[in-house]
């Protein structure tokens, strides 16, 4: 089964650096680390899926917006550490 290709644009340099450092620590490629991070983030969000091959549970827009706010706050924390 072939994977799907995703292209990310306008990735903030500090996010790229953090992901790259994490990949090096975990002895993964940048791509493997990005997939691992996405899987971990999505699977630990309270959904009880054991694999990403199953269709996702429906989510309300509110939960998606909360997730976005959490990501924004984490990005702010990274920016604060860099300053």
N, C-alpha and C. Protein backbone atom coordinates (compact mmCIF):
# COMPACT_ATOMS: atom_id res chain seq x y z
N UNK A 1 0.84 -1.18 0.00
CA UNK A 1 0.00 0.00 0.00
C UNK A 1 0.89 1.24 0.00
N UNK A 2 0.75 2.04 -1.02
CA UNK A 2 1.57 3.25 -1.16
C UNK A 2 1.02 4.36 -0.27
N UNK A 3 1.92 5.12 0.30
CA UNK A 3 1.51 6.25 1.14
C UNK A 3 1.13 7.45 0.31
N UNK A 4 0.55 8.40 0.95
CA UNK A 4 0.15 9.65 0.33
C UNK A 4 1.25 10.67 0.60
N UNK A 5 1.52 11.50 -0.36
CA UNK A 5 2.54 12.54 -0.20
C UNK A 5 1.87 13.84 0.23
N UNK A 6 2.44 14.45 1.24
CA UNK A 6 1.97 15.75 1.73
C UNK A 6 3.15 16.72 1.65
N UNK A 7 2.89 17.89 1.13
CA UNK A 7 3.91 18.93 1.08
C UNK A 7 3.52 20.03 2.06
N UNK A 8 4.40 20.36 2.97
CA UNK A 8 4.14 21.43 3.92
C UNK A 8 4.84 22.69 3.42
N UNK A 9 4.12 23.79 3.41
CA UNK A 9 4.69 25.05 2.97
C UNK A 9 4.73 26.02 4.15
N UNK A 10 5.68 26.93 4.10
CA UNK A 10 5.80 28.00 5.10
C UNK A 10 5.97 27.46 6.52
N UNK A 11 6.76 26.40 6.66
CA UNK A 11 7.05 25.86 7.98
C UNK A 11 7.99 26.83 8.68
N UNK A 12 7.61 27.30 9.87
CA UNK A 12 8.49 28.23 10.58
C UNK A 12 9.86 27.59 10.86
N UNK A 13 10.93 28.34 10.70
CA UNK A 13 12.28 27.78 10.89
C UNK A 13 12.46 27.11 12.26
N UNK A 14 11.89 27.70 13.31
CA UNK A 14 12.06 27.11 14.65
C UNK A 14 11.34 25.78 14.76
N UNK A 15 10.21 25.62 14.08
CA UNK A 15 9.49 24.34 14.09
C UNK A 15 10.29 23.31 13.31
N UNK A 16 10.84 23.70 12.19
CA UNK A 16 11.68 22.79 11.39
C UNK A 16 12.89 22.34 12.20
N UNK A 17 13.54 23.29 12.86
CA UNK A 17 14.72 22.95 13.66
C UNK A 17 14.37 22.00 14.81
N UNK A 18 13.24 22.26 15.48
CA UNK A 18 12.81 21.41 16.58
C UNK A 18 12.51 20.00 16.10
N UNK A 19 11.83 19.88 14.97
CA UNK A 19 11.51 18.57 14.41
C UNK A 19 12.79 17.84 13.98
N UNK A 20 13.70 18.58 13.38
CA UNK A 20 14.97 17.99 12.94
C UNK A 20 15.79 17.50 14.13
N UNK A 21 15.84 18.28 15.20
CA UNK A 21 16.57 17.87 16.40
C UNK A 21 15.93 16.62 17.02
N UNK A 22 14.61 16.60 17.04
CA UNK A 22 13.89 15.44 17.57
C UNK A 22 14.18 14.20 16.73
N UNK A 23 14.23 14.36 15.42
CA UNK A 23 14.53 13.24 14.52
C UNK A 23 15.93 12.70 14.80
N UNK A 24 16.87 13.60 15.01
CA UNK A 24 18.25 13.17 15.30
C UNK A 24 18.32 12.42 16.62
N UNK A 25 17.64 12.96 17.66
CA UNK A 25 17.63 12.29 18.96
C UNK A 25 17.03 10.89 18.89
N UNK A 26 15.99 10.74 18.06
CA UNK A 26 15.28 9.47 17.96
C UNK A 26 15.77 8.58 16.82
N UNK A 27 16.87 9.02 16.16
CA UNK A 27 17.48 8.26 15.06
C UNK A 27 16.46 7.93 13.98
N UNK A 28 15.71 8.96 13.57
CA UNK A 28 14.74 8.83 12.50
C UNK A 28 15.05 9.88 11.44
N UNK A 29 14.52 9.64 10.24
CA UNK A 29 14.60 10.68 9.21
C UNK A 29 13.61 11.77 9.58
N UNK A 30 13.75 12.92 8.96
CA UNK A 30 12.82 14.02 9.21
C UNK A 30 11.39 13.60 8.86
N UNK A 31 11.24 12.87 7.76
CA UNK A 31 9.92 12.39 7.35
C UNK A 31 9.34 11.41 8.38
N UNK A 32 10.16 10.46 8.84
CA UNK A 32 9.69 9.49 9.84
C UNK A 32 9.29 10.20 11.13
N UNK A 33 10.07 11.20 11.52
CA UNK A 33 9.76 11.94 12.75
C UNK A 33 8.46 12.72 12.61
N UNK A 34 8.24 13.32 11.44
CA UNK A 34 7.00 14.07 11.22
C UNK A 34 5.80 13.13 11.29
N UNK A 35 5.91 11.95 10.66
CA UNK A 35 4.82 10.98 10.71
C UNK A 35 4.59 10.51 12.14
N UNK A 36 5.67 10.19 12.84
CA UNK A 36 5.55 9.74 14.23
C UNK A 36 4.87 10.81 15.09
N UNK A 37 5.28 12.04 14.93
CA UNK A 37 4.72 13.15 15.72
C UNK A 37 3.24 13.33 15.42
N UNK A 38 2.87 13.28 14.14
CA UNK A 38 1.47 13.40 13.78
C UNK A 38 0.65 12.24 14.35
N UNK A 39 1.15 11.02 14.21
CA UNK A 39 0.43 9.86 14.75
C UNK A 39 0.25 10.00 16.25
N UNK A 40 1.33 10.34 16.94
CA UNK A 40 1.26 10.46 18.40
C UNK A 40 0.27 11.54 18.81
N UNK A 41 0.31 12.65 18.12
CA UNK A 41 -0.59 13.76 18.44
C UNK A 41 -2.04 13.38 18.18
N UNK A 42 -2.31 12.76 17.06
CA UNK A 42 -3.69 12.41 16.72
C UNK A 42 -4.21 11.26 17.55
N UNK A 43 -3.37 10.26 17.82
CA UNK A 43 -3.84 9.10 18.58
C UNK A 43 -3.95 9.38 20.07
N UNK A 44 -3.22 10.37 20.57
CA UNK A 44 -3.29 10.67 22.00
C UNK A 44 -4.33 11.73 22.30
N UNK A 45 -5.12 12.10 21.30
CA UNK A 45 -6.12 13.15 21.50
C UNK A 45 -7.41 12.61 22.11
N UNK A 46 -7.37 11.40 22.66
CA UNK A 46 -8.55 10.85 23.30
C UNK A 46 -9.31 9.88 22.43
N UNK A 47 -8.96 9.78 21.17
CA UNK A 47 -9.61 8.81 20.31
C UNK A 47 -9.05 7.43 20.63
N UNK A 48 -9.87 6.43 20.50
CA UNK A 48 -9.46 5.07 20.86
C UNK A 48 -9.16 4.24 19.62
N UNK A 49 -8.51 4.84 18.65
CA UNK A 49 -8.10 4.10 17.47
C UNK A 49 -6.74 3.49 17.74
N UNK A 50 -6.57 2.26 17.32
CA UNK A 50 -5.28 1.61 17.53
C UNK A 50 -4.38 1.77 16.32
N UNK A 51 -4.91 2.23 15.22
CA UNK A 51 -4.12 2.44 14.01
C UNK A 51 -4.72 3.57 13.19
N UNK A 52 -3.89 4.21 12.43
CA UNK A 52 -4.40 5.27 11.57
C UNK A 52 -5.02 4.71 10.29
N UNK A 53 -4.96 3.40 10.11
CA UNK A 53 -5.57 2.78 8.93
C UNK A 53 -7.08 2.68 9.07
N UNK A 54 -7.59 2.79 10.29
CA UNK A 54 -9.04 2.81 10.49
C UNK A 54 -9.56 4.20 10.17
N UNK A 55 -10.83 4.29 9.70
CA UNK A 55 -11.37 5.63 9.46
C UNK A 55 -11.45 6.41 10.76
N UNK A 56 -11.19 7.70 10.71
CA UNK A 56 -11.23 8.50 11.94
C UNK A 56 -12.65 8.68 12.44
N UNK A 57 -12.74 8.84 13.74
CA UNK A 57 -14.03 9.18 14.34
C UNK A 57 -14.38 10.60 13.93
N UNK A 58 -15.65 10.89 13.83
CA UNK A 58 -16.05 12.25 13.47
C UNK A 58 -15.66 13.18 14.61
N UNK A 59 -15.28 14.39 14.25
CA UNK A 59 -14.86 15.37 15.25
C UNK A 59 -15.63 16.65 15.01
N UNK A 60 -15.95 17.31 16.08
CA UNK A 60 -16.64 18.59 15.94
C UNK A 60 -15.63 19.67 15.59
N UNK A 61 -16.10 20.72 15.01
CA UNK A 61 -15.23 21.85 14.67
C UNK A 61 -14.61 22.43 15.94
N UNK A 62 -15.35 22.41 17.03
CA UNK A 62 -14.83 22.94 18.29
C UNK A 62 -13.57 22.23 18.73
N UNK A 63 -13.54 20.90 18.59
CA UNK A 63 -12.34 20.15 18.99
C UNK A 63 -11.16 20.48 18.08
N UNK A 64 -11.43 20.68 16.82
CA UNK A 64 -10.35 21.03 15.89
C UNK A 64 -9.80 22.40 16.26
N UNK A 65 -10.67 23.35 16.58
CA UNK A 65 -10.22 24.69 16.96
C UNK A 65 -9.43 24.67 18.25
N UNK A 66 -9.83 23.85 19.20
CA UNK A 66 -9.07 23.73 20.44
C UNK A 66 -7.69 23.19 20.13
N UNK A 67 -7.61 22.19 19.26
CA UNK A 67 -6.31 21.63 18.89
C UNK A 67 -5.43 22.70 18.26
N UNK A 68 -6.01 23.54 17.42
CA UNK A 68 -5.25 24.61 16.77
C UNK A 68 -4.72 25.60 17.82
N UNK A 69 -5.56 25.93 18.80
CA UNK A 69 -5.13 26.84 19.86
C UNK A 69 -3.97 26.23 20.65
N UNK A 70 -4.05 24.93 20.92
CA UNK A 70 -2.99 24.25 21.64
C UNK A 70 -1.69 24.30 20.83
N UNK A 71 -1.78 24.05 19.53
CA UNK A 71 -0.59 24.12 18.68
C UNK A 71 0.00 25.52 18.67
N UNK A 72 -0.87 26.53 18.59
CA UNK A 72 -0.39 27.91 18.61
C UNK A 72 0.32 28.22 19.91
N UNK A 73 -0.21 27.74 21.04
CA UNK A 73 0.42 28.02 22.33
C UNK A 73 1.77 27.31 22.42
N UNK A 74 1.86 26.09 21.86
CA UNK A 74 3.14 25.38 21.86
C UNK A 74 4.16 26.11 20.99
N UNK A 75 3.70 26.63 19.86
CA UNK A 75 4.60 27.39 18.99
C UNK A 75 5.10 28.65 19.72
N UNK A 76 4.22 29.29 20.48
CA UNK A 76 4.61 30.47 21.25
C UNK A 76 5.67 30.09 22.29
N UNK A 77 5.52 28.92 22.92
CA UNK A 77 6.49 28.47 23.91
C UNK A 77 7.86 28.28 23.26
N UNK A 78 7.87 27.68 22.07
CA UNK A 78 9.13 27.49 21.36
C UNK A 78 9.77 28.83 21.04
N UNK A 79 8.94 29.77 20.58
CA UNK A 79 9.45 31.10 20.25
C UNK A 79 10.02 31.79 21.49
N UNK A 80 9.35 31.63 22.63
CA UNK A 80 9.82 32.26 23.87
C UNK A 80 11.17 31.66 24.28
N UNK A 81 11.34 30.34 24.10
CA UNK A 81 12.60 29.71 24.47
C UNK A 81 13.74 30.19 23.59
N UNK A 82 13.43 30.50 22.35
CA UNK A 82 14.44 30.94 21.40
C UNK A 82 14.89 32.38 21.67
N UNK A 83 14.05 33.16 22.32
CA UNK A 83 14.36 34.59 22.55
C UNK A 83 15.36 34.77 23.64
